[in-house]
N, C-alpha and C. Protein backbone atom coordinates (compact mmCIF):
# COMPACT_ATOMS: atom_id res chain seq x y z
N MET A 1 -15.86 -36.83 18.86
CA MET A 1 -16.83 -35.80 18.42
C MET A 1 -16.56 -34.49 18.76
N GLY A 2 -16.42 -33.67 17.52
CA GLY A 2 -15.84 -32.10 17.66
C GLY A 2 -17.05 -31.10 17.77
N PHE A 3 -16.84 -30.25 18.25
CA PHE A 3 -17.78 -29.21 18.15
C PHE A 3 -17.30 -27.87 17.21
N LYS A 4 -17.86 -27.34 16.44
CA LYS A 4 -17.57 -26.40 15.58
C LYS A 4 -17.96 -24.96 16.37
N ASP A 5 -17.23 -24.57 17.28
CA ASP A 5 -17.51 -23.52 18.00
C ASP A 5 -16.20 -22.74 18.40
N ASN A 6 -16.34 -21.62 18.80
CA ASN A 6 -14.92 -20.75 18.92
C ASN A 6 -14.16 -20.86 20.42
N ILE A 7 -14.56 -22.01 20.91
CA ILE A 7 -13.64 -22.17 22.32
C ILE A 7 -12.82 -23.46 22.24
N VAL A 8 -11.89 -23.43 23.17
CA VAL A 8 -11.15 -24.48 23.22
C VAL A 8 -10.95 -25.03 24.69
N LYS A 9 -10.93 -26.09 25.18
CA LYS A 9 -10.90 -26.92 26.62
C LYS A 9 -9.27 -27.05 26.80
N GLN A 10 -9.22 -26.23 27.89
CA GLN A 10 -7.75 -26.19 28.45
C GLN A 10 -7.54 -27.87 29.34
N LYS A 11 -6.12 -28.00 29.84
CA LYS A 11 -5.80 -29.28 30.37
C LYS A 11 -6.60 -29.27 31.80
N ASP A 12 -6.77 -28.04 32.22
CA ASP A 12 -7.34 -28.07 33.63
C ASP A 12 -8.95 -28.07 33.46
N GLY A 13 -9.50 -28.43 32.50
CA GLY A 13 -10.85 -28.63 32.33
C GLY A 13 -11.69 -27.04 32.13
N SER A 14 -10.95 -26.05 32.17
CA SER A 14 -11.62 -24.81 31.73
C SER A 14 -11.67 -24.57 30.27
N TYR A 15 -12.55 -23.75 30.00
CA TYR A 15 -12.74 -23.27 28.57
C TYR A 15 -12.07 -21.95 28.23
N MET A 16 -11.45 -21.64 27.15
CA MET A 16 -10.95 -20.28 26.70
C MET A 16 -11.40 -20.08 25.23
N LEU A 17 -11.66 -18.67 24.77
CA LEU A 17 -11.88 -18.61 23.43
C LEU A 17 -10.69 -18.68 22.64
N LYS A 18 -10.61 -19.27 21.45
CA LYS A 18 -9.63 -19.89 20.37
C LYS A 18 -8.67 -18.59 20.38
N SER A 19 -9.06 -17.32 20.17
CA SER A 19 -8.34 -16.01 19.69
C SER A 19 -7.46 -15.80 20.96
N LYS A 20 -7.79 -16.25 22.16
CA LYS A 20 -6.91 -15.91 23.47
C LYS A 20 -5.99 -16.88 23.76
N THR A 21 -5.57 -17.93 22.92
CA THR A 21 -4.86 -18.78 23.22
C THR A 21 -3.38 -18.62 22.86
N LYS A 22 -2.28 -19.02 23.24
CA LYS A 22 -0.90 -18.93 23.02
C LYS A 22 -0.89 -19.07 21.45
N LYS A 23 -1.48 -20.14 21.13
CA LYS A 23 -1.28 -20.65 19.65
C LYS A 23 -1.78 -19.59 18.60
N ALA A 24 -3.04 -18.78 18.91
CA ALA A 24 -3.62 -17.95 18.08
C ALA A 24 -2.95 -16.51 18.14
N LYS A 25 -2.24 -16.21 19.21
CA LYS A 25 -1.60 -14.97 19.35
C LYS A 25 -0.14 -15.04 18.72
N THR A 26 0.40 -16.16 18.66
CA THR A 26 1.89 -16.08 18.10
C THR A 26 1.78 -16.36 16.60
N LYS A 27 0.60 -16.59 16.10
CA LYS A 27 0.32 -17.04 14.50
C LYS A 27 0.00 -15.59 13.95
N GLY A 28 0.60 -14.81 13.20
CA GLY A 28 0.43 -13.58 12.72
C GLY A 28 0.36 -12.27 13.24
N ALA A 29 1.17 -12.59 14.40
CA ALA A 29 1.28 -11.38 15.43
C ALA A 29 2.53 -10.53 15.17
N CYS A 30 2.38 -9.23 15.16
CA CYS A 30 3.53 -8.37 14.91
C CYS A 30 4.75 -8.39 16.11
N THR A 31 5.77 -8.41 15.65
CA THR A 31 6.65 -8.52 16.68
C THR A 31 6.87 -7.23 17.46
N VAL A 32 6.41 -6.14 16.70
CA VAL A 32 6.69 -4.73 17.59
C VAL A 32 5.73 -4.43 18.37
N CYS A 33 4.33 -4.33 17.72
CA CYS A 33 3.21 -3.79 18.63
C CYS A 33 2.37 -5.01 19.07
N GLY A 34 2.43 -6.05 18.63
CA GLY A 34 1.83 -7.22 19.17
C GLY A 34 0.37 -7.40 18.77
N GLU A 35 0.00 -6.78 17.47
CA GLU A 35 -1.15 -6.67 17.11
C GLU A 35 -1.23 -7.86 16.21
N ASN A 36 -2.54 -8.58 15.85
CA ASN A 36 -2.65 -9.63 15.18
C ASN A 36 -4.05 -9.63 14.28
N ASN A 37 -3.69 -9.43 13.06
CA ASN A 37 -4.87 -9.34 12.18
C ASN A 37 -5.98 -10.47 11.98
N THR A 38 -5.54 -11.49 12.50
CA THR A 38 -6.44 -12.75 12.42
C THR A 38 -7.62 -12.72 13.67
N ILE A 39 -7.06 -11.95 14.93
CA ILE A 39 -8.13 -11.96 15.74
C ILE A 39 -9.17 -10.83 15.60
N ARG A 40 -8.84 -9.53 15.15
CA ARG A 40 -9.63 -8.60 15.01
C ARG A 40 -9.19 -7.66 13.72
N ASP A 41 -10.30 -6.71 13.32
CA ASP A 41 -9.91 -6.00 12.14
C ASP A 41 -9.00 -4.87 12.70
N LEU A 42 -8.25 -4.44 11.53
CA LEU A 42 -7.21 -3.36 11.92
C LEU A 42 -7.09 -2.30 10.72
N LEU A 43 -6.45 -1.02 11.20
CA LEU A 43 -6.51 0.00 10.28
C LEU A 43 -5.12 0.00 9.76
N TYR A 44 -4.82 -0.07 8.56
CA TYR A 44 -3.42 -0.08 7.98
C TYR A 44 -3.23 1.40 7.31
N GLN A 45 -2.00 1.68 7.42
CA GLN A 45 -1.34 3.08 6.82
C GLN A 45 -1.38 2.87 5.43
N TYR A 46 -1.00 1.95 4.68
CA TYR A 46 -0.84 1.63 3.37
C TYR A 46 -2.28 1.43 2.63
N ASN A 47 -3.25 1.28 3.24
CA ASN A 47 -4.67 0.81 2.58
C ASN A 47 -5.27 2.35 2.61
N ALA A 48 -5.94 2.79 1.33
CA ALA A 48 -6.42 3.84 1.02
C ALA A 48 -7.91 4.02 1.90
N MET A 49 -8.43 2.96 1.82
CA MET A 49 -9.82 2.92 2.55
C MET A 49 -9.51 3.26 4.03
N ASP A 50 -8.81 2.62 4.66
CA ASP A 50 -8.53 2.92 6.16
C ASP A 50 -7.80 4.46 6.15
N MET A 51 -7.03 4.79 5.36
CA MET A 51 -6.57 6.32 5.55
C MET A 51 -7.72 7.09 5.52
N ILE A 52 -8.63 6.85 4.58
CA ILE A 52 -9.99 7.59 4.78
C ILE A 52 -10.76 7.63 5.82
N LEU A 53 -11.02 6.46 6.49
CA LEU A 53 -11.65 6.36 7.95
C LEU A 53 -10.91 7.25 8.81
N VAL A 54 -9.50 7.14 8.86
CA VAL A 54 -8.80 7.88 9.83
C VAL A 54 -8.86 9.29 9.80
N ARG A 55 -8.81 9.74 8.61
CA ARG A 55 -8.93 11.26 8.24
C ARG A 55 -10.42 11.66 8.82
N GLN A 56 -11.53 10.94 8.27
CA GLN A 56 -12.74 11.27 8.76
C GLN A 56 -12.96 11.38 10.45
N TYR A 57 -12.16 10.41 10.95
CA TYR A 57 -12.33 10.26 12.52
C TYR A 57 -11.51 11.51 12.90
N ILE A 58 -10.55 11.93 12.56
CA ILE A 58 -9.71 13.16 12.94
C ILE A 58 -10.44 14.39 12.85
N GLU A 59 -11.20 14.59 11.63
CA GLU A 59 -11.70 15.74 11.20
C GLU A 59 -13.15 15.70 12.12
N ASP A 60 -13.91 14.65 12.47
CA ASP A 60 -14.85 14.58 13.29
C ASP A 60 -14.50 15.03 14.60
N HIS A 61 -13.47 14.45 15.07
CA HIS A 61 -13.13 14.48 16.34
C HIS A 61 -12.64 16.18 16.77
N LEU A 62 -11.86 16.73 15.81
CA LEU A 62 -11.55 18.05 15.90
C LEU A 62 -12.59 19.02 16.11
N THR A 63 -13.54 18.70 14.93
CA THR A 63 -14.82 19.61 15.10
C THR A 63 -15.88 19.30 16.32
N SER A 64 -15.71 18.20 17.20
CA SER A 64 -16.52 18.16 17.94
C SER A 64 -15.97 18.15 19.59
N HIS A 65 -14.83 18.57 19.39
CA HIS A 65 -13.56 18.79 20.70
C HIS A 65 -13.04 20.12 20.34
N PRO A 66 -13.77 21.26 20.61
CA PRO A 66 -12.83 22.35 20.33
C PRO A 66 -11.58 22.68 21.28
N LYS A 67 -11.50 22.01 22.37
CA LYS A 67 -10.26 22.39 23.08
C LYS A 67 -9.08 21.46 22.49
N HIS A 68 -9.10 20.47 21.67
CA HIS A 68 -8.16 19.65 21.17
C HIS A 68 -7.54 20.50 19.77
N GLU A 69 -6.30 20.69 19.94
CA GLU A 69 -5.66 21.66 18.65
C GLU A 69 -5.20 20.57 17.65
N ALA A 70 -4.70 19.63 18.05
CA ALA A 70 -4.30 18.47 16.74
C ALA A 70 -4.23 17.20 17.16
N ILE A 71 -4.43 16.31 16.18
CA ILE A 71 -4.56 15.01 16.61
C ILE A 71 -3.32 14.28 15.49
N THR A 72 -2.57 13.37 16.18
CA THR A 72 -1.58 12.69 15.17
C THR A 72 -1.77 11.23 15.37
N PRO A 73 -2.21 10.31 14.32
CA PRO A 73 -2.38 9.10 14.47
C PRO A 73 -0.85 8.46 14.55
N GLU A 74 -0.89 7.30 15.66
CA GLU A 74 0.70 6.36 15.62
C GLU A 74 0.29 5.31 15.09
N TRP A 75 1.31 5.07 14.19
CA TRP A 75 1.38 3.61 13.41
C TRP A 75 2.52 2.94 13.94
N CYS A 76 2.42 1.65 13.77
CA CYS A 76 3.47 0.79 14.26
C CYS A 76 4.65 0.88 13.13
N GLU A 77 6.09 0.90 13.39
CA GLU A 77 6.86 0.95 12.47
C GLU A 77 7.13 -0.01 11.46
N LYS A 78 6.76 -1.44 12.02
CA LYS A 78 6.79 -2.69 11.12
C LYS A 78 5.65 -3.15 10.24
N CYS A 79 4.61 -3.19 10.99
CA CYS A 79 3.47 -3.46 10.22
C CYS A 79 2.46 -2.38 9.53
N LYS A 80 2.66 -1.26 10.16
CA LYS A 80 1.84 -0.22 9.69
C LYS A 80 0.55 -0.21 10.09
N VAL A 81 0.31 -0.75 11.23
CA VAL A 81 -1.11 -0.63 11.56
C VAL A 81 -1.55 0.31 12.77
N LEU A 82 -2.45 0.91 12.70
CA LEU A 82 -2.99 2.09 13.77
C LEU A 82 -3.07 1.66 15.11
N LYS A 83 -2.01 2.21 15.92
CA LYS A 83 -2.03 1.89 17.44
C LYS A 83 -2.76 2.80 18.31
N GLY A 84 -2.91 4.08 17.60
CA GLY A 84 -3.54 4.90 18.47
C GLY A 84 -3.57 6.29 18.01
N TYR A 85 -4.24 7.09 18.79
CA TYR A 85 -3.99 8.73 18.38
C TYR A 85 -3.44 9.54 19.50
N ARG A 86 -2.43 10.47 19.15
CA ARG A 86 -1.98 11.43 20.18
C ARG A 86 -2.65 12.68 20.20
N ILE A 87 -3.14 13.29 20.91
CA ILE A 87 -4.19 14.46 21.05
C ILE A 87 -3.25 15.59 21.74
N LYS A 88 -2.98 16.74 21.02
CA LYS A 88 -2.61 17.90 21.60
C LYS A 88 -3.77 19.01 22.13
N LEU A 89 -3.41 19.17 23.36
CA LEU A 89 -4.68 20.39 23.68
C LEU A 89 -4.32 21.62 23.50
N LYS A 90 -5.36 22.52 23.48
CA LYS A 90 -4.71 23.82 23.28
C LYS A 90 -4.40 24.70 24.57
N ASP A 91 -3.56 25.46 24.51
CA ASP A 91 -2.96 26.17 25.72
C ASP A 91 -3.85 27.16 26.08
N GLU A 92 -4.36 27.26 27.13
CA GLU A 92 -5.36 28.25 27.53
C GLU A 92 -4.79 29.51 27.74
N LYS A 93 -3.53 29.71 28.12
CA LYS A 93 -2.83 30.75 28.25
C LYS A 93 -2.78 31.61 26.82
N ASN A 94 -2.55 30.98 25.79
CA ASN A 94 -2.37 31.73 24.37
C ASN A 94 -3.42 31.86 23.66
N ASN A 95 -4.61 32.38 24.05
CA ASN A 95 -5.90 32.47 23.56
C ASN A 95 -5.57 33.72 22.61
């Protein structure tokens, strides 16, 4: 009898999410950044809709945080997935 849910029973009797198992993590994972598109939705540099979302986020962030001078998105070199943002703060001395 099998269940159609999102958990797997371990050898020690405990349960774990399928997405957290070693089998799921190795399938489709990038070797550089470790991101896996089968586990969660990701933003890609080569996808036009994703780039629009990234640019909108940058614009919204810079308008709502006036002490931030610039934002640079950081992309994985191999799979071109968004890893995060690098924020440059304004220097208080150079106003």
